[in-house]
């Protein structure tokens, strides 16, 4: 598996969140995620006990990992800088961190 890719994201609290992340092989072709499952969480600090789960979807042959959160989840994220990562597990049980970075959570005035 390749080293985790650093990617910062922004979440507007009180709104639905969706973002697609694309995994590629070193030769820039889509990484085949057939048989993989994923998990992703946001925490204020990497060692914080409280976490907020993304819903993770995987489009196997295109290497797309879709992250989503509902309004109810985004509302409860702490304002400001947070941290996230995405971990996938192959059908053979190999566990790999594939994305990591900061989440900037901004309040939404109109909701």
C-alpha atoms as a PDB file:
ATOM      1  CA  UNK A   1       0.000   0.000   0.000  1.00  0.00           C
ATOM      2  CA  UNK A   2       1.139   3.548  -0.660  1.00  0.00           C
ATOM      3  CA  UNK A   3       1.978   6.109   2.042  1.00  0.00           C
ATOM      4  CA  UNK A   4      -0.982   8.166   3.334  1.00  0.00           C
ATOM      5  CA  UNK A   5      -1.781  11.241   1.288  1.00  0.00           C
ATOM      6  CA  UNK A   6      -2.044  14.531   3.198  1.00  0.00           C
ATOM      7  CA  UNK A   7      -5.221  16.422   2.357  1.00  0.00           C
ATOM      8  CA  UNK A   8      -6.911  19.159   4.381  1.00  0.00           C
ATOM      9  CA  UNK A   9     -10.690  19.519   4.231  1.00  0.00           C
ATOM     10  CA  UNK A  10     -13.302  22.060   5.320  1.00  0.00           C
ATOM     11  CA  UNK A  11     -16.630  21.242   6.981  1.00  0.00           C
ATOM     12  CA  UNK A  12     -19.380  23.807   7.435  1.00  0.00           C
ATOM     13  CA  UNK A  13     -21.154  22.890  10.657  1.00  0.00           C
ATOM     14  CA  UNK A  14     -24.922  22.428  10.473  1.00  0.00           C
ATOM     15  CA  UNK A  15     -24.795  21.338   6.822  1.00  0.00           C
ATOM     16  CA  UNK A  16     -24.404  18.012   5.050  1.00  0.00           C
ATOM     17  CA  UNK A  17     -20.829  17.199   4.035  1.00  0.00           C
ATOM     18  CA  UNK A  18     -19.695  15.097   1.056  1.00  0.00           C
ATOM     19  CA  UNK A  19     -16.252  14.760  -0.483  1.00  0.00           C
ATOM     20  CA  UNK A  20     -14.666  12.233  -2.806  1.00  0.00           C
ATOM     21  CA  UNK A  21     -11.018  11.271  -2.363  1.00  0.00           C
ATOM     22  CA  UNK A  22      -9.174   9.526  -5.185  1.00  0.00           C
ATOM     23  CA  UNK A  23      -6.549   6.854  -4.606  1.00  0.00           C
ATOM     24  CA  UNK A  24      -4.017   6.356  -7.389  1.00  0.00           C
ATOM     25  CA  UNK A  25      -1.154   3.978  -8.004  1.00  0.00           C
ATOM     26  CA  UNK A  26       2.360   5.421  -8.404  1.00  0.00           C
ATOM     27  CA  UNK A  27       1.811   5.395 -12.197  1.00  0.00           C
ATOM     28  CA  UNK A  28      -1.316   7.627 -11.675  1.00  0.00           C
ATOM     29  CA  UNK A  29      -3.826   4.897 -12.599  1.00  0.00           C
ATOM     30  CA  UNK A  30      -6.802   4.353 -10.249  1.00  0.00           C
ATOM     31  CA  UNK A  31      -6.021   2.082  -7.289  1.00  0.00           C
ATOM     32  CA  UNK A  32      -8.287  -0.978  -7.355  1.00  0.00           C
ATOM     33  CA  UNK A  33     -10.175  -1.085  -4.048  1.00  0.00           C
ATOM     34  CA  UNK A  34     -12.117  -4.279  -4.762  1.00  0.00           C
ATOM     35  CA  UNK A  35     -12.716  -6.095  -1.468  1.00  0.00           C
ATOM     36  CA  UNK A  36     -11.703  -3.094   0.690  1.00  0.00           C
ATOM     37  CA  UNK A  37     -13.719  -1.511   3.486  1.00  0.00           C
ATOM     38  CA  UNK A  38     -13.042   1.859   5.070  1.00  0.00           C
ATOM     39  CA  UNK A  39     -13.422   3.864   8.239  1.00  0.00           C
ATOM     40  CA  UNK A  40     -12.800   7.577   8.827  1.00  0.00           C
ATOM     41  CA  UNK A  41     -13.109   9.788  11.895  1.00  0.00           C
ATOM     42  CA  UNK A  42     -12.654  13.397  12.984  1.00  0.00           C
ATOM     43  CA  UNK A  43     -11.173  14.262  16.389  1.00  0.00           C
ATOM     44  CA  UNK A  44     -10.218  17.589  17.952  1.00  0.00           C
ATOM     45  CA  UNK A  45      -6.780  16.116  18.655  1.00  0.00           C
ATOM     46  CA  UNK A  46      -5.447  12.776  17.357  1.00  0.00           C
ATOM     47  CA  UNK A  47      -5.500  11.322  20.895  1.00  0.00           C
ATOM     48  CA  UNK A  48      -8.942  12.745  21.866  1.00  0.00           C
ATOM     49  CA  UNK A  49     -11.480  10.192  23.120  1.00  0.00           C
ATOM     50  CA  UNK A  50     -14.446  11.883  21.405  1.00  0.00           C
ATOM     51  CA  UNK A  51     -14.695  11.233  17.670  1.00  0.00           C
ATOM     52  CA  UNK A  52     -17.170  11.874  14.865  1.00  0.00           C
ATOM     53  CA  UNK A  53     -17.619   9.230  12.174  1.00  0.00           C
ATOM     54  CA  UNK A  54     -17.762   9.780   8.454  1.00  0.00           C
ATOM     55  CA  UNK A  55     -19.900   7.467   6.364  1.00  0.00           C
ATOM     56  CA  UNK A  56     -17.370   5.868   4.007  1.00  0.00           C
ATOM     57  CA  UNK A  57     -18.238   4.601   0.539  1.00  0.00           C
ATOM     58  CA  UNK A  58     -15.814   2.873  -1.820  1.00  0.00           C
ATOM     59  CA  UNK A  59     -16.093   2.698  -5.606  1.00  0.00           C
ATOM     60  CA  UNK A  60     -13.818  -0.269  -6.142  1.00  0.00           C
ATOM     61  CA  UNK A  61     -12.453   0.020  -9.669  1.00  0.00           C
ATOM     62  CA  UNK A  62     -12.113   3.822  -9.783  1.00  0.00           C
ATOM     63  CA  UNK A  63     -10.208   4.209  -6.505  1.00  0.00           C
ATOM     64  CA  UNK A  64     -12.789   6.671  -5.155  1.00  0.00           C
ATOM     65  CA  UNK A  65     -13.411   6.856  -1.413  1.00  0.00           C
ATOM     66  CA  UNK A  66     -16.486   8.947  -0.590  1.00  0.00           C
ATOM     67  CA  UNK A  67     -16.735  10.642   2.800  1.00  0.00           C
ATOM     68  CA  UNK A  68     -20.062  11.953   4.098  1.00  0.00           C
ATOM     69  CA  UNK A  69     -21.539  13.411   7.281  1.00  0.00           C
ATOM     70  CA  UNK A  70     -25.090  14.416   8.056  1.00  0.00           C
ATOM     71  CA  UNK A  71     -26.177  17.713   9.592  1.00  0.00           C
ATOM     72  CA  UNK A  72     -26.491  16.011  12.977  1.00  0.00           C
ATOM     73  CA  UNK A  73     -22.850  14.958  12.927  1.00  0.00           C
ATOM     74  CA  UNK A  74     -21.331  18.168  11.495  1.00  0.00           C
ATOM     75  CA  UNK A  75     -23.171  20.240  14.110  1.00  0.00           C
ATOM     76  CA  UNK A  76     -21.346  18.437  16.928  1.00  0.00           C
ATOM     77  CA  UNK A  77     -17.788  18.928  15.586  1.00  0.00           C
ATOM     78  CA  UNK A  78     -15.719  21.427  17.575  1.00  0.00           C
ATOM     79  CA  UNK A  79     -15.113  24.726  15.769  1.00  0.00           C
ATOM     80  CA  UNK A  80     -11.655  25.329  14.338  1.00  0.00           C
ATOM     81  CA  UNK A  81      -8.881  22.880  13.573  1.00  0.00           C
ATOM     82  CA  UNK A  82      -9.553  19.167  13.979  1.00  0.00           C
ATOM     83  CA  UNK A  83      -7.829  16.074  12.610  1.00  0.00           C
ATOM     84  CA  UNK A  84      -9.020  13.175  10.459  1.00  0.00           C
ATOM     85  CA  UNK A  85      -7.756  10.095   8.725  1.00  0.00           C
ATOM     86  CA  UNK A  86      -9.100   7.386   6.459  1.00  0.00           C
ATOM     87  CA  UNK A  87      -8.139   3.773   7.085  1.00  0.00           C
ATOM     88  CA  UNK A  88      -8.925   0.937   4.667  1.00  0.00           C
ATOM     89  CA  UNK A  89      -8.840  -2.805   5.240  1.00  0.00           C
ATOM     90  CA  UNK A  90      -8.278  -5.211   2.351  1.00  0.00           C
ATOM     91  CA  UNK A  91     -10.189  -8.449   1.948  1.00  0.00           C
ATOM     92  CA  UNK A  92      -7.044 -10.173   3.220  1.00  0.00           C
ATOM     93  CA  UNK A  93      -7.055  -8.138   6.445  1.00  0.00           C
ATOM     94  CA  UNK A  94      -4.273  -5.659   5.628  1.00  0.00           C
ATOM     95  CA  UNK A  95      -4.998  -2.335   7.380  1.00  0.00           C
ATOM     96  CA  UNK A  96      -3.597   0.886   5.878  1.00  0.00           C
ATOM     97  CA  UNK A  97      -4.000   4.597   6.541  1.00  0.00           C
ATOM     98  CA  UNK A  98      -4.518   6.184   3.106  1.00  0.00           C
ATOM     99  CA  UNK A  99      -5.509   9.825   3.820  1.00  0.00           C
ATOM    100  CA  UNK A 100      -4.851  12.170   6.731  1.00  0.00           C
ATOM    101  CA  UNK A 101      -4.987  15.861   7.435  1.00  0.00           C
ATOM    102  CA  UNK A 102      -6.699  18.757   9.127  1.00  0.00           C
ATOM    103  CA  UNK A 103     -10.399  19.456   9.177  1.00  0.00           C
ATOM    104  CA  UNK A 104     -11.313  23.109   9.536  1.00  0.00           C
ATOM    105  CA  UNK A 105     -14.815  23.256  11.012  1.00  0.00           C
ATOM    106  CA  UNK A 106     -16.640  26.543  10.510  1.00  0.00           C
ATOM    107  CA  UNK A 107     -19.922  27.625  12.103  1.00  0.00           C
ATOM    108  CA  UNK A 108     -22.842  28.285   9.757  1.00  0.00           C
ATOM    109  CA  UNK A 109     -24.747  31.460  10.620  1.00  0.00           C
ATOM    110  CA  UNK A 110     -27.935  30.763   8.651  1.00  0.00           C
ATOM    111  CA  UNK A 111     -28.924  27.490  10.354  1.00  0.00           C
END
